[in-house]
Amino acid sequence: MRVSVFNNSYFYFNKLNILIINNINQRILFVINKILLYSQWLSTGYSHSDTSMPYRRLPNTDTARIKAMRIALEKGKELPPYKLAFSSKTVVRLQKFLANYEHNIQLYHQSLVSQNKKSKDYNEIIRKAKIYLTHFIRVMNMAIFRGDLPVETRAYYGLATDESTVPSLNTENDLLSWGRRIIEGEEFRIRKGGSPITNPTIAVVKVRFENFIEAWNYHNIFAKNASDHTERNNILRKEADEIILQLWNEVEETHSSLPEEIRKVQCEDYGLVYFYRKNELDKVSVPEAQSQTWPDQLFVSGA
C-alpha cells in the first residue's frame, strides 16, 4: 500500500515538474520574441541615432541668400555670444558682407530697370534712323533712274554704280557704317557743286542719325553697367554661399547632440531649410506607424 502511494506521489511530482519547466520555457520564448520585436522596431529607424537629418538645401537666389543671412544676424542681436549657435567671427563677417551684397544687388536691379525703360525709346530711334537713311538712298536712286543724276553719283556714298539696291541696315554696326558714308558722301558732293537731294534732305537724315549715335552711346553705358554689376554679383554670390555654408555647418554642429526632430527645429530657427526626399518621406512614415503598434505587441502577456 505504501509503495502504491509513493508511486502515485512520484508520478504527480514528475508531472508538476514537467508543467513548471514547460511554463518557464514558454516565458523564456516569450521574452526572446519580444526582444526580437523591439530590435526589429529599432532597426526601422525610430532611434534618433539611426536616422539621418533630411536634405539641407542651400539658398540659390539672391533673395533667399539675403533672407538666410538676415535671420542669422537677427539671432546674433537677440542672443549673447555664449548662447549663439555660431561663432562671433561669423557674426562679424556677416555684418561686413551683407550690407555690401544688398547694395550691389540694388544697383544691379536699378541698372536693369533703367535699361528696360530706355530700350523702347532706343528701338524707336533706331527705326527712325533706318527709315530716313533708306528713303534718302531710294530718292537718290529714283533721281538716277529719271536721269536727274548720273549713275556715278552712287560712288560718293560708297555704293556700286551699277546697283540700285539699298544696303542692309539690320544691325547697329550696319547703321553706323552706312550712316556715316551717306552723310559724308552727300556733304562732299554738295561741296563739289552737286544739287542737294531733298525729301529728305541730308540735314534731316543727319539729325536722325545723330540721335541714334547719342542713344547708342547711352545704351552701351547702361549695358556695360549691367554687365559690371552682373560680374560683381557673381563674385559676391560665391562669397555669400561660402558664408552661409560655414554658418549652417556651425549651427548644425552646435545642435548635433540633440535628437533629430529637436535638432531640426532648432536649426530651422536659425534659417536652415530642410526638405525630405521622396524615399525619405516613405521611411519617415513607417516608424510613425510602427511606433503606435509595437508597445501593444511588446507587453501583451503570453499564454
C-alpha atoms as a PDB file:
ATOM      1  CA  MET A   1       0.000   0.000   0.000  1.00  0.00           C
ATOM      2  CA  ARG A   2       2.787   2.405   0.920  1.00  0.00           C
ATOM      3  CA  VAL A   3       4.560   1.525  -2.293  1.00  0.00           C
ATOM      4  CA  SER A   4       1.449   2.397  -4.301  1.00  0.00           C
ATOM      5  CA  VAL A   5       1.046   5.784  -2.586  1.00  0.00           C
ATOM      6  CA  PHE A   6       4.726   6.534  -3.129  1.00  0.00           C
ATOM      7  CA  ASN A   7       4.474   5.678  -6.791  1.00  0.00           C
ATOM      8  CA  ASN A   8       1.438   7.931  -7.233  1.00  0.00           C
ATOM      9  CA  SER A   9       3.171  10.829  -5.453  1.00  0.00           C
ATOM     10  CA  TYR A  10       6.257  10.383  -7.603  1.00  0.00           C
ATOM     11  CA  PHE A  11       4.125  10.371 -10.735  1.00  0.00           C
ATOM     12  CA  TYR A  12       2.349  13.621  -9.817  1.00  0.00           C
ATOM     13  CA  PHE A  13       5.627  15.232  -8.755  1.00  0.00           C
ATOM     14  CA  ASN A  14       7.204  14.453 -12.112  1.00  0.00           C
ATOM     15  CA  LYS A  15       4.164  15.796 -13.908  1.00  0.00           C
ATOM     16  CA  LEU A  16       4.322  19.008 -11.856  1.00  0.00           C
ATOM     17  CA  ASN A  17       8.000  19.435 -12.719  1.00  0.00           C
ATOM     18  CA  ILE A  18       7.234  19.000 -16.405  1.00  0.00           C
ATOM     19  CA  LEU A  19       4.481  21.633 -16.224  1.00  0.00           C
ATOM     20  CA  ILE A  20       6.791  24.086 -14.415  1.00  0.00           C
ATOM     21  CA  ILE A  21       9.590  23.526 -16.927  1.00  0.00           C
ATOM     22  CA  ASN A  22       7.214  23.973 -19.858  1.00  0.00           C
ATOM     23  CA  ASN A  23       5.859  27.200 -18.356  1.00  0.00           C
ATOM     24  CA  ILE A  24       9.388  28.554 -17.839  1.00  0.00           C
ATOM     25  CA  ASN A  25      10.327  27.657 -21.411  1.00  0.00           C
ATOM     26  CA  GLN A  26       7.231  29.401 -22.751  1.00  0.00           C
ATOM     27  CA  ARG A  27       8.045  32.568 -20.824  1.00  0.00           C
ATOM     28  CA  ILE A  28      11.664  32.472 -21.969  1.00  0.00           C
ATOM     29  CA  LEU A  29      10.486  32.128 -25.546  1.00  0.00           C
ATOM     30  CA  PHE A  30       8.009  34.962 -24.959  1.00  0.00           C
ATOM     31  CA  VAL A  31      10.748  37.296 -23.679  1.00  0.00           C
ATOM     32  CA  ILE A  32      13.054  36.362 -26.571  1.00  0.00           C
ATOM     33  CA  ASN A  33      10.259  37.013 -29.041  1.00  0.00           C
ATOM     34  CA  LYS A  34       9.567  40.451 -27.578  1.00  0.00           C
ATOM     35  CA  ILE A  35      13.269  41.305 -27.618  1.00  0.00           C
ATOM     36  CA  LEU A  36      13.360  40.428 -31.285  1.00  0.00           C
ATOM     37  CA  LEU A  37      10.275  42.593 -31.918  1.00  0.00           C
ATOM     38  CA  TYR A  38      11.876  45.501 -30.100  1.00  0.00           C
ATOM     39  CA  SER A  39      15.113  45.104 -32.072  1.00  0.00           C
ATOM     40  CA  GLN A  40      13.170  44.986 -35.327  1.00  0.00           C
ATOM     41  CA  TRP A  41      11.303  48.140 -34.343  1.00  0.00           C
ATOM     42  CA  LEU A  42      14.541  49.972 -33.631  1.00  0.00           C
ATOM     43  CA  SER A  43      16.009  48.885 -36.962  1.00  0.00           C
ATOM     44  CA  THR A  44      13.145  50.564 -38.853  1.00  0.00           C
ATOM     45  CA  GLY A  45      14.531  53.981 -37.946  1.00  0.00           C
ATOM     46  CA  TYR A  46      12.845  55.008 -34.702  1.00  0.00           C
ATOM     47  CA  SER A  47      16.086  55.570 -32.871  1.00  0.00           C
ATOM     48  CA  HIS A  48      17.440  59.115 -33.311  1.00  0.00           C
ATOM     49  CA  SER A  49      20.962  57.830 -33.598  1.00  0.00           C
ATOM     50  CA  ASP A  50      19.992  55.579 -36.518  1.00  0.00           C
ATOM     51  CA  THR A  51      18.189  58.207 -38.554  1.00  0.00           C
ATOM     52  CA  SER A  52      19.740  60.977 -40.598  1.00  0.00           C
ATOM     53  CA  MET A  53      18.636  64.561 -40.997  1.00  0.00           C
ATOM     54  CA  PRO A  54      16.612  65.407 -44.113  1.00  0.00           C
ATOM     55  CA  TYR A  55      18.172  67.055 -47.137  1.00  0.00           C
ATOM     56  CA  ARG A  56      19.529  70.537 -46.410  1.00  0.00           C
ATOM     57  CA  ARG A  57      19.003  72.971 -49.256  1.00  0.00           C
ATOM     58  CA  LEU A  58      21.273  75.998 -49.504  1.00  0.00           C
ATOM     59  CA  PRO A  59      19.697  79.159 -50.962  1.00  0.00           C
ATOM     60  CA  ASN A  60      20.104  79.557 -54.722  1.00  0.00           C
ATOM     61  CA  THR A  61      18.646  83.045 -55.325  1.00  0.00           C
ATOM     62  CA  ASP A  62      19.733  86.484 -54.163  1.00  0.00           C
ATOM     63  CA  THR A  63      16.505  86.907 -52.189  1.00  0.00           C
ATOM     64  CA  ALA A  64      16.955  83.569 -50.420  1.00  0.00           C
ATOM     65  CA  ARG A  65      20.610  84.308 -49.630  1.00  0.00           C
ATOM     66  CA  ILE A  66      19.766  87.694 -48.125  1.00  0.00           C
ATOM     67  CA  LYS A  67      16.924  86.166 -46.091  1.00  0.00           C
ATOM     68  CA  ALA A  68      19.211  83.443 -44.686  1.00  0.00           C
ATOM     69  CA  MET A  69      21.858  85.976 -43.638  1.00  0.00           C
ATOM     70  CA  ARG A  70      19.306  88.378 -42.144  1.00  0.00           C
ATOM     71  CA  ILE A  71      17.825  85.625 -39.974  1.00  0.00           C
ATOM     72  CA  ALA A  72      21.301  84.779 -38.694  1.00  0.00           C
ATOM     73  CA  LEU A  73      22.075  88.426 -37.939  1.00  0.00           C
ATOM     74  CA  GLU A  74      18.800  88.802 -36.059  1.00  0.00           C
ATOM     75  CA  LYS A  75      19.791  85.820 -33.942  1.00  0.00           C
ATOM     76  CA  GLY A  76      23.130  87.474 -33.318  1.00  0.00           C
ATOM     77  CA  LYS A  77      21.320  90.544 -31.968  1.00  0.00           C
ATOM     78  CA  GLU A  78      18.860  88.576 -29.847  1.00  0.00           C
ATOM     79  CA  LEU A  79      21.258  86.180 -28.122  1.00  0.00           C
ATOM     80  CA  PRO A  80      24.511  86.710 -26.217  1.00  0.00           C
ATOM     81  CA  PRO A  81      27.598  85.169 -27.831  1.00  0.00           C
ATOM     82  CA  TYR A  82      27.754  82.216 -25.424  1.00  0.00           C
ATOM     83  CA  LYS A  83      24.211  81.169 -26.353  1.00  0.00           C
ATOM     84  CA  LEU A  84      24.639  81.684 -30.088  1.00  0.00           C
ATOM     85  CA  ALA A  85      24.889  78.577 -32.280  1.00  0.00           C
ATOM     86  CA  PHE A  86      27.604  80.098 -34.488  1.00  0.00           C
ATOM     87  CA  SER A  87      30.834  81.927 -33.781  1.00  0.00           C
ATOM     88  CA  SER A  88      31.350  85.643 -33.202  1.00  0.00           C
ATOM     89  CA  LYS A  89      33.772  85.619 -36.135  1.00  0.00           C
ATOM     90  CA  THR A  90      30.920  84.583 -38.403  1.00  0.00           C
ATOM     91  CA  VAL A  91      28.716  87.359 -37.000  1.00  0.00           C
ATOM     92  CA  VAL A  92      31.339  89.984 -37.803  1.00  0.00           C
ATOM     93  CA  ARG A  93      31.830  88.582 -41.299  1.00  0.00           C
ATOM     94  CA  LEU A  94      28.070  88.648 -41.894  1.00  0.00           C
ATOM     95  CA  GLN A  95      27.764  92.256 -40.751  1.00  0.00           C
ATOM     96  CA  LYS A  96      30.526  93.404 -43.090  1.00  0.00           C
ATOM     97  CA  PHE A  97      29.360  91.408 -46.091  1.00  0.00           C
ATOM     98  CA  LEU A  98      25.561  91.692 -46.076  1.00  0.00           C
ATOM     99  CA  ALA A  99      25.344  95.484 -46.498  1.00  0.00           C
ATOM    100  CA  ASN A 100      27.723  95.413 -49.474  1.00  0.00           C
ATOM    101  CA  TYR A 101      25.883  92.468 -51.027  1.00  0.00           C
ATOM    102  CA  GLU A 102      22.461  94.119 -50.711  1.00  0.00           C
ATOM    103  CA  HIS A 103      23.794  97.395 -52.114  1.00  0.00           C
ATOM    104  CA  ASN A 104      25.260  95.731 -55.192  1.00  0.00           C
ATOM    105  CA  ILE A 105      22.048  93.763 -55.797  1.00  0.00           C
ATOM    106  CA  GLN A 106      20.107  97.024 -55.617  1.00  0.00           C
ATOM    107  CA  LEU A 107      22.436  98.720 -58.117  1.00  0.00           C
ATOM    108  CA  TYR A 108      22.106  95.746 -60.454  1.00  0.00           C
ATOM    109  CA  HIS A 109      18.311  95.893 -60.427  1.00  0.00           C
ATOM    110  CA  GLN A 110      18.367  99.654 -60.921  1.00  0.00           C
ATOM    111  CA  SER A 111      20.588  99.293 -63.971  1.00  0.00           C
ATOM    112  CA  LEU A 112      18.227  96.690 -65.429  1.00  0.00           C
ATOM    113  CA  VAL A 113      15.190  98.905 -64.819  1.00  0.00           C
ATOM    114  CA  SER A 114      16.894 101.880 -66.448  1.00  0.00           C
ATOM    115  CA  GLN A 115      17.986  99.770 -69.404  1.00  0.00           C
ATOM    116  CA  ASN A 116      14.473  98.375 -69.894  1.00  0.00           C
ATOM    117  CA  LYS A 117      12.902 101.833 -69.705  1.00  0.00           C
ATOM    118  CA  LYS A 118      15.286 103.202 -72.310  1.00  0.00           C
ATOM    119  CA  SER A 119      15.027 100.138 -74.532  1.00  0.00           C
ATOM    120  CA  LYS A 120      11.672 101.119 -76.070  1.00  0.00           C
ATOM    121  CA  ASP A 121      12.870 104.650 -76.863  1.00  0.00           C
ATOM    122  CA  TYR A 122      16.147 103.283 -78.200  1.00  0.00           C
ATOM    123  CA  ASN A 123      14.413 100.893 -80.594  1.00  0.00           C
ATOM    124  CA  GLU A 124      12.222 103.718 -81.892  1.00  0.00           C
ATOM    125  CA  ILE A 125      15.258 105.942 -82.520  1.00  0.00           C
ATOM    126  CA  ILE A 126      16.928 103.109 -84.463  1.00  0.00           C
ATOM    127  CA  ARG A 127      13.782 102.600 -86.529  1.00  0.00           C
ATOM    128  CA  LYS A 128      13.591 106.285 -87.466  1.00  0.00           C
ATOM    129  CA  ALA A 129      17.284 106.478 -88.411  1.00  0.00           C
ATOM    130  CA  LYS A 130      16.885 103.416 -90.679  1.00  0.00           C
ATOM    131  CA  ILE A 131      13.811 104.883 -92.361  1.00  0.00           C
ATOM    132  CA  TYR A 132      15.438 108.227 -93.168  1.00  0.00           C
ATOM    133  CA  LEU A 133      18.631 106.636 -94.489  1.00  0.00           C
ATOM    134  CA  THR A 134      16.648 104.155 -96.598  1.00  0.00           C
ATOM    135  CA  HIS A 135      14.405 106.898 -98.029  1.00  0.00           C
ATOM    136  CA  PHE A 136      17.395 109.085 -98.862  1.00  0.00           C
ATOM    137  CA  ILE A 137      19.041 106.249-100.838  1.00  0.00           C
ATOM    138  CA  ARG A 138      15.795 105.444-102.657  1.00  0.00           C
ATOM    139  CA  VAL A 139      15.232 109.092-103.619  1.00  0.00           C
ATOM    140  CA  MET A 140      18.793 109.248-104.926  1.00  0.00           C
ATOM    141  CA  ASN A 141      18.228 106.060-106.984  1.00  0.00           C
ATOM    142  CA  MET A 142      14.952 107.429-108.393  1.00  0.00           C
ATOM    143  CA  ALA A 143      16.746 110.638-109.450  1.00  0.00           C
ATOM    144  CA  ILE A 144      19.313 108.497-111.284  1.00  0.00           C
ATOM    145  CA  PHE A 145      16.518 106.444-112.861  1.00  0.00           C
ATOM    146  CA  ARG A 146      14.833 109.656-114.090  1.00  0.00           C
ATOM    147  CA  GLY A 147      18.145 110.938-115.435  1.00  0.00           C
ATOM    148  CA  ASP A 148      18.368 113.851-112.986  1.00  0.00           C
ATOM    149  CA  LEU A 149      21.622 112.470-111.565  1.00  0.00           C
ATOM    150  CA  PRO A 150      24.393 110.414-113.232  1.00  0.00           C
ATOM    151  CA  VAL A 151      24.989 106.826-112.136  1.00  0.00           C
ATOM    152  CA  GLU A 152      28.413 107.889-110.849  1.00  0.00           C
ATOM    153  CA  THR A 153      26.571 109.695-108.007  1.00  0.00           C
ATOM    154  CA  ARG A 154      26.351 106.413-106.133  1.00  0.00           C
ATOM    155  CA  ALA A 155      30.138 106.342-105.799  1.00  0.00           C
ATOM    156  CA  TYR A 156      30.019 109.333-103.421  1.00  0.00           C
ATOM    157  CA  TYR A 157      28.198 107.116-100.897  1.00  0.00           C
ATOM    158  CA  GLY A 158      30.341 104.031-101.321  1.00  0.00           C
ATOM    159  CA  LEU A 159      27.681 102.252-103.406  1.00  0.00           C
ATOM    160  CA  ALA A 160      28.258 100.277-106.588  1.00  0.00           C
ATOM    161  CA  THR A 161      27.404 102.442-109.586  1.00  0.00           C
ATOM    162  CA  ASP A 162      25.523  99.626-111.304  1.00  0.00           C
ATOM    163  CA  GLU A 163      23.458  98.587-108.252  1.00  0.00           C
ATOM    164  CA  SER A 164      20.243 100.291-107.167  1.00  0.00           C
ATOM    165  CA  THR A 165      19.547  98.146-104.102  1.00  0.00           C
ATOM    166  CA  VAL A 166      19.506  99.616-100.608  1.00  0.00           C
ATOM    167  CA  PRO A 167      22.338  98.207 -98.434  1.00  0.00           C
ATOM    168  CA  SER A 168      21.490  96.169 -95.346  1.00  0.00           C
ATOM    169  CA  LEU A 169      20.804  98.253 -92.251  1.00  0.00           C
ATOM    170  CA  ASN A 170      19.725  95.387 -89.987  1.00  0.00           C
ATOM    171  CA  THR A 171      22.389  95.769 -87.305  1.00  0.00           C
ATOM    172  CA  GLU A 172      23.637  98.715 -85.322  1.00  0.00           C
ATOM    173  CA  ASN A 173      27.066  98.382 -86.912  1.00  0.00           C
ATOM    174  CA  ASP A 174      25.474  98.490 -90.390  1.00  0.00           C
ATOM    175  CA  LEU A 175      23.589 101.614 -89.408  1.00  0.00           C
ATOM    176  CA  LEU A 176      26.728 103.277 -88.046  1.00  0.00           C
ATOM    177  CA  SER A 177      28.813 102.428 -91.097  1.00  0.00           C
ATOM    178  CA  TRP A 178      26.331 103.362 -93.816  1.00  0.00           C
ATOM    179  CA  GLY A 179      25.041 106.384 -91.967  1.00  0.00           C
ATOM    180  CA  ARG A 180      28.485 107.958 -91.896  1.00  0.00           C
ATOM    181  CA  ARG A 181      29.112 107.097 -95.562  1.00  0.00           C
ATOM    182  CA  ILE A 182      25.831 108.571 -96.761  1.00  0.00           C
ATOM    183  CA  ILE A 183      26.147 111.809 -94.747  1.00  0.00           C
ATOM    184  CA  GLU A 184      29.821 112.391 -95.586  1.00  0.00           C
ATOM    185  CA  GLY A 185      29.254 111.478 -99.237  1.00  0.00           C
ATOM    186  CA  GLU A 186      26.305 113.838 -99.693  1.00  0.00           C
ATOM    187  CA  GLU A 187      28.091 116.726 -97.946  1.00  0.00           C
ATOM    188  CA  PHE A 188      31.164 116.161-100.163  1.00  0.00           C
ATOM    189  CA  ARG A 189      29.002 116.000-103.315  1.00  0.00           C
ATOM    190  CA  ILE A 190      27.290 119.289-102.429  1.00  0.00           C
ATOM    191  CA  ARG A 191      30.661 120.949-101.816  1.00  0.00           C
ATOM    192  CA  LYS A 192      31.691 119.790-105.285  1.00  0.00           C
ATOM    193  CA  GLY A 193      28.700 121.684-106.690  1.00  0.00           C
ATOM    194  CA  GLY A 194      26.084 118.928-106.846  1.00  0.00           C
ATOM    195  CA  SER A 195      22.397 119.616-106.331  1.00  0.00           C
ATOM    196  CA  PRO A 196      21.169 118.619-102.843  1.00  0.00           C
ATOM    197  CA  ILE A 197      18.857 115.637-102.642  1.00  0.00           C
ATOM    198  CA  THR A 198      15.573 116.543-100.941  1.00  0.00           C
ATOM    199  CA  ASN A 199      12.712 114.771 -99.219  1.00  0.00           C
ATOM    200  CA  PRO A 200      14.543 114.012 -97.067  1.00  0.00           C
ATOM    201  CA  THR A 201      17.480 116.382 -97.130  1.00  0.00           C
ATOM    202  CA  ILE A 202      20.791 115.241 -95.743  1.00  0.00           C
ATOM    203  CA  ALA A 203      20.364 117.713 -92.856  1.00  0.00           C
ATOM    204  CA  VAL A 204      17.225 115.875 -91.673  1.00  0.00           C
ATOM    205  CA  VAL A 205      18.924 112.496 -92.133  1.00  0.00           C
ATOM    206  CA  LYS A 206      21.883 113.758 -90.114  1.00  0.00           C
ATOM    207  CA  VAL A 207      19.640 114.816 -87.204  1.00  0.00           C
ATOM    208  CA  ARG A 208      18.090 111.338 -87.040  1.00  0.00           C
ATOM    209  CA  PHE A 209      21.490 109.704 -87.329  1.00  0.00           C
ATOM    210  CA  GLU A 210      22.987 111.838 -84.541  1.00  0.00           C
ATOM    211  CA  ASN A 211      20.007 110.980 -82.323  1.00  0.00           C
ATOM    212  CA  PHE A 212      20.839 107.348 -82.936  1.00  0.00           C
ATOM    213  CA  ILE A 213      24.529 107.890 -82.092  1.00  0.00           C
ATOM    214  CA  GLU A 214      23.610 109.565 -78.788  1.00  0.00           C
ATOM    215  CA  ALA A 215      21.122 106.831 -77.862  1.00  0.00           C
ATOM    216  CA  TRP A 216      23.610 104.152 -78.891  1.00  0.00           C
ATOM    217  CA  ASN A 217      26.273 105.605 -76.580  1.00  0.00           C
ATOM    218  CA  TYR A 218      23.850 105.697 -73.634  1.00  0.00           C
ATOM    219  CA  HIS A 219      22.702 102.180 -74.437  1.00  0.00           C
ATOM    220  CA  ASN A 220      26.286 100.919 -74.324  1.00  0.00           C
ATOM    221  CA  ILE A 221      26.865 102.661 -70.986  1.00  0.00           C
ATOM    222  CA  PHE A 222      23.770 101.016 -69.475  1.00  0.00           C
ATOM    223  CA  ALA A 223      24.779  97.650 -70.920  1.00  0.00           C
ATOM    224  CA  LYS A 224      28.304  97.969 -69.502  1.00  0.00           C
ATOM    225  CA  ASN A 225      26.963  98.944 -66.075  1.00  0.00           C
ATOM    226  CA  ALA A 226      24.628  95.953 -66.078  1.00  0.00           C
ATOM    227  CA  SER A 227      27.485  93.687 -67.153  1.00  0.00           C
ATOM    228  CA  ASP A 228      29.787  95.062 -64.439  1.00  0.00           C
ATOM    229  CA  HIS A 229      27.122  94.569 -61.759  1.00  0.00           C
ATOM    230  CA  THR A 230      26.445  91.051 -63.039  1.00  0.00           C
ATOM    231  CA  GLU A 231      30.127  90.146 -62.846  1.00  0.00           C
ATOM    232  CA  ARG A 232      30.399  91.693 -59.392  1.00  0.00           C
ATOM    233  CA  ASN A 233      27.280  89.847 -58.260  1.00  0.00           C
ATOM    234  CA  ASN A 234      28.693  86.526 -59.406  1.00  0.00           C
ATOM    235  CA  ILE A 235      31.747  87.091 -57.206  1.00  0.00           C
ATOM    236  CA  LEU A 236      29.607  88.170 -54.237  1.00  0.00           C
ATOM    237  CA  ARG A 237      27.255  85.206 -54.666  1.00  0.00           C
ATOM    238  CA  LYS A 238      30.167  82.802 -54.296  1.00  0.00           C
ATOM    239  CA  GLU A 239      31.247  84.557 -51.099  1.00  0.00           C
ATOM    240  CA  ALA A 240      27.654  84.568 -49.833  1.00  0.00           C
ATOM    241  CA  ASP A 241      27.402  80.823 -50.425  1.00  0.00           C
ATOM    242  CA  GLU A 242      30.660  80.263 -48.528  1.00  0.00           C
ATOM    243  CA  ILE A 243      29.430  82.337 -45.572  1.00  0.00           C
ATOM    244  CA  ILE A 244      26.043  80.611 -45.439  1.00  0.00           C
ATOM    245  CA  LEU A 245      27.641  77.177 -45.707  1.00  0.00           C
ATOM    246  CA  GLN A 246      30.022  77.977 -42.850  1.00  0.00           C
ATOM    247  CA  LEU A 247      27.176  79.455 -40.810  1.00  0.00           C
ATOM    248  CA  TRP A 248      24.842  76.499 -41.287  1.00  0.00           C
ATOM    249  CA  ASN A 249      27.614  73.984 -40.585  1.00  0.00           C
ATOM    250  CA  GLU A 250      28.355  75.717 -37.275  1.00  0.00           C
ATOM    251  CA  VAL A 251      24.662  75.734 -36.330  1.00  0.00           C
ATOM    252  CA  GLU A 252      24.264  72.023 -37.082  1.00  0.00           C
ATOM    253  CA  GLU A 253      27.460  71.193 -35.230  1.00  0.00           C
ATOM    254  CA  THR A 254      26.225  73.080 -32.143  1.00  0.00           C
ATOM    255  CA  HIS A 255      22.964  71.107 -32.112  1.00  0.00           C
ATOM    256  CA  SER A 256      24.480  67.777 -33.186  1.00  0.00           C
ATOM    257  CA  SER A 257      23.896  66.119 -29.800  1.00  0.00           C
ATOM    258  CA  LEU A 258      20.134  66.744 -29.850  1.00  0.00           C
ATOM    259  CA  PRO A 259      17.556  64.226 -31.103  1.00  0.00           C
ATOM    260  CA  GLU A 260      16.733  64.578 -34.775  1.00  0.00           C
ATOM    261  CA  GLU A 261      13.362  66.347 -34.575  1.00  0.00           C
ATOM    262  CA  ILE A 262      14.531  68.766 -31.879  1.00  0.00           C
ATOM    263  CA  ARG A 263      17.777  69.372 -33.760  1.00  0.00           C
ATOM    264  CA  LYS A 264      15.843  70.057 -36.969  1.00  0.00           C
ATOM    265  CA  VAL A 265      13.575  72.620 -35.260  1.00  0.00           C
ATOM    266  CA  GLN A 266      16.496  74.345 -33.552  1.00  0.00           C
ATOM    267  CA  CYS A 267      18.423  74.589 -36.814  1.00  0.00           C
ATOM    268  CA  GLU A 268      15.399  75.891 -38.732  1.00  0.00           C
ATOM    269  CA  ASP A 269      15.110  78.637 -36.129  1.00  0.00           C
ATOM    270  CA  TYR A 270      18.468  79.880 -37.468  1.00  0.00           C
ATOM    271  CA  GLY A 271      17.178  79.908 -41.037  1.00  0.00           C
ATOM    272  CA  LEU A 272      18.287  76.467 -42.209  1.00  0.00           C
ATOM    273  CA  VAL A 273      15.980  74.923 -44.811  1.00  0.00           C
ATOM    274  CA  TYR A 274      15.325  71.180 -44.911  1.00  0.00           C
ATOM    275  CA  PHE A 275      13.485  69.003 -47.419  1.00  0.00           C
ATOM    276  CA  TYR A 276      12.614  65.328 -47.274  1.00  0.00           C
ATOM    277  CA  ARG A 277      13.282  63.386 -50.435  1.00  0.00           C
ATOM    278  CA  LYS A 278      10.539  61.104 -51.689  1.00  0.00           C
ATOM    279  CA  ASN A 279      12.205  57.954 -50.360  1.00  0.00           C
ATOM    280  CA  GLU A 280      12.831  59.702 -47.021  1.00  0.00           C
ATOM    281  CA  LEU A 281       9.151  60.601 -46.695  1.00  0.00           C
ATOM    282  CA  ASP A 282       8.289  56.906 -47.019  1.00  0.00           C
ATOM    283  CA  LYS A 283      10.838  55.986 -44.350  1.00  0.00           C
ATOM    284  CA  VAL A 284       9.574  58.691 -42.001  1.00  0.00           C
ATOM    285  CA  SER A 285       6.001  57.432 -42.247  1.00  0.00           C
ATOM    286  CA  VAL A 286       6.965  53.802 -41.423  1.00  0.00           C
ATOM    287  CA  PRO A 287       8.430  54.408 -37.931  1.00  0.00           C
ATOM    288  CA  GLU A 288       5.487  56.643 -37.016  1.00  0.00           C
ATOM    289  CA  ALA A 289       3.028  53.889 -37.868  1.00  0.00           C
ATOM    290  CA  GLN A 290       5.047  51.239 -36.060  1.00  0.00           C
ATOM    291  CA  SER A 291       5.599  53.428 -33.002  1.00  0.00           C
ATOM    292  CA  GLN A 292       1.843  53.299 -32.429  1.00  0.00           C
ATOM    293  CA  THR A 293       1.647  49.479 -32.655  1.00  0.00           C
ATOM    294  CA  TRP A 294       4.785  47.986 -31.151  1.00  0.00           C
ATOM    295  CA  PRO A 295       4.160  48.797 -27.444  1.00  0.00           C
ATOM    296  CA  ASP A 296       0.908  46.836 -27.536  1.00  0.00           C
ATOM    297  CA  GLN A 297       2.686  43.921 -29.155  1.00  0.00           C
ATOM    298  CA  LEU A 298       5.570  44.090 -26.721  1.00  0.00           C
ATOM    299  CA  PHE A 299       3.594  43.979 -23.495  1.00  0.00           C
ATOM    300  CA  VAL A 300       0.832  41.537 -24.400  1.00  0.00           C
ATOM    301  CA  SER A 301       1.124  38.746 -21.850  1.00  0.00           C
ATOM    302  CA  GLY A 302       1.955  35.296 -23.029  1.00  0.00           C
ATOM    303  CA  ALA A 303      -0.294  32.310 -22.764  1.00  0.00           C
END
